[in-house]
Amino acid sequence: MKIVQKLKSFLKEVYLELKKVNWLNRKDLLKYTFIVLLVTVIVALFLGGLDYVFTEALKKFVLYRGY
């Protein structure tokens, strides 16, 4: 089978599979997108806060130079 025929067959199968997908409506898509973005921001703030706390602790206790 030639590469062009394989490619055509692959694209045809992809198209047929995509027709079977249950796509979200616009309302649900926006809702879930907002949830993902919100959780991403919350996790980023949490990890940033931990990074700040540990950095300050390292500066104060580990990297302290008493002279």
Protein backbone atom coordinates (compact mmCIF):
# COMPACT_ATOMS: atom_id res chain seq x y z
CA MET A 1 0.00 0.00 0.00
CA LYS A 2 1.43 3.37 -0.92
CA ILE A 3 1.89 6.14 1.57
CA VAL A 4 -0.79 8.31 -0.07
CA GLN A 5 -3.35 5.52 0.20
CA LYS A 6 -2.42 4.95 3.84
CA LEU A 7 -2.82 8.63 4.55
CA LYS A 8 -6.23 8.77 2.85
CA SER A 9 -7.37 5.70 4.79
CA PHE A 10 -6.15 7.18 8.07
CA LEU A 11 -7.88 10.52 7.49
CA LYS A 12 -11.10 8.78 6.51
CA GLU A 13 -11.04 6.74 9.73
CA VAL A 14 -10.31 9.85 11.78
CA TYR A 15 -13.28 11.63 10.19
CA LEU A 16 -15.57 8.69 10.93
CA GLU A 17 -14.44 8.55 14.56
CA LEU A 18 -14.91 12.30 15.02
CA LYS A 19 -18.52 11.95 13.87
CA LYS A 20 -19.11 9.62 16.84
CA VAL A 21 -17.86 12.13 19.42
CA ASN A 22 -20.40 13.78 21.71
CA TRP A 23 -19.30 17.41 21.64
CA LEU A 24 -20.16 19.80 24.48
CA ASN A 25 -22.54 22.66 23.87
CA ARG A 26 -21.23 26.22 24.21
CA LYS A 27 -22.60 26.75 27.72
CA ASP A 28 -20.96 23.62 29.14
CA LEU A 29 -17.72 24.30 27.27
CA LEU A 30 -17.44 27.79 28.79
CA LYS A 31 -18.34 26.49 32.25
CA TYR A 32 -15.70 23.75 32.22
CA THR A 33 -13.10 26.08 30.72
CA PHE A 34 -13.72 28.56 33.54
CA ILE A 35 -13.41 25.79 36.13
CA VAL A 36 -10.10 24.60 34.69
CA LEU A 37 -8.71 28.15 34.58
CA LEU A 38 -9.87 28.84 38.15
CA VAL A 39 -8.31 25.65 39.51
CA THR A 40 -5.10 26.42 37.59
CA VAL A 41 -4.86 29.89 39.15
CA ILE A 42 -5.59 28.54 42.64
CA VAL A 43 -2.91 25.84 42.35
CA ALA A 44 -0.41 28.34 40.91
CA LEU A 45 -1.04 30.73 43.83
CA PHE A 46 -0.72 27.90 46.34
CA LEU A 47 2.55 26.64 44.87
CA GLY A 48 3.87 30.19 44.55
CA GLY A 49 3.06 30.77 48.21
CA LEU A 50 4.86 27.60 49.23
CA ASP A 51 7.85 28.60 47.14
CA TYR A 52 7.94 32.01 48.81
CA VAL A 53 7.66 30.55 52.33
CA PHE A 54 10.39 27.97 51.76
CA THR A 55 12.67 30.51 50.08
CA GLU A 56 12.33 32.88 53.02
CA ALA A 57 12.91 30.02 55.48
CA LEU A 58 16.07 29.02 53.62
CA LYS A 59 17.29 32.60 53.63
CA LYS A 60 16.65 32.99 57.34
CA PHE A 61 17.85 29.67 58.73
CA VAL A 62 20.07 27.89 56.22
CA LEU A 63 21.78 30.68 54.38
CA TYR A 64 22.15 32.87 57.48
CA ARG A 65 25.63 34.26 57.98
CA GLY A 66 26.14 35.51 61.50
CA TYR A 67 29.25 37.55 60.81
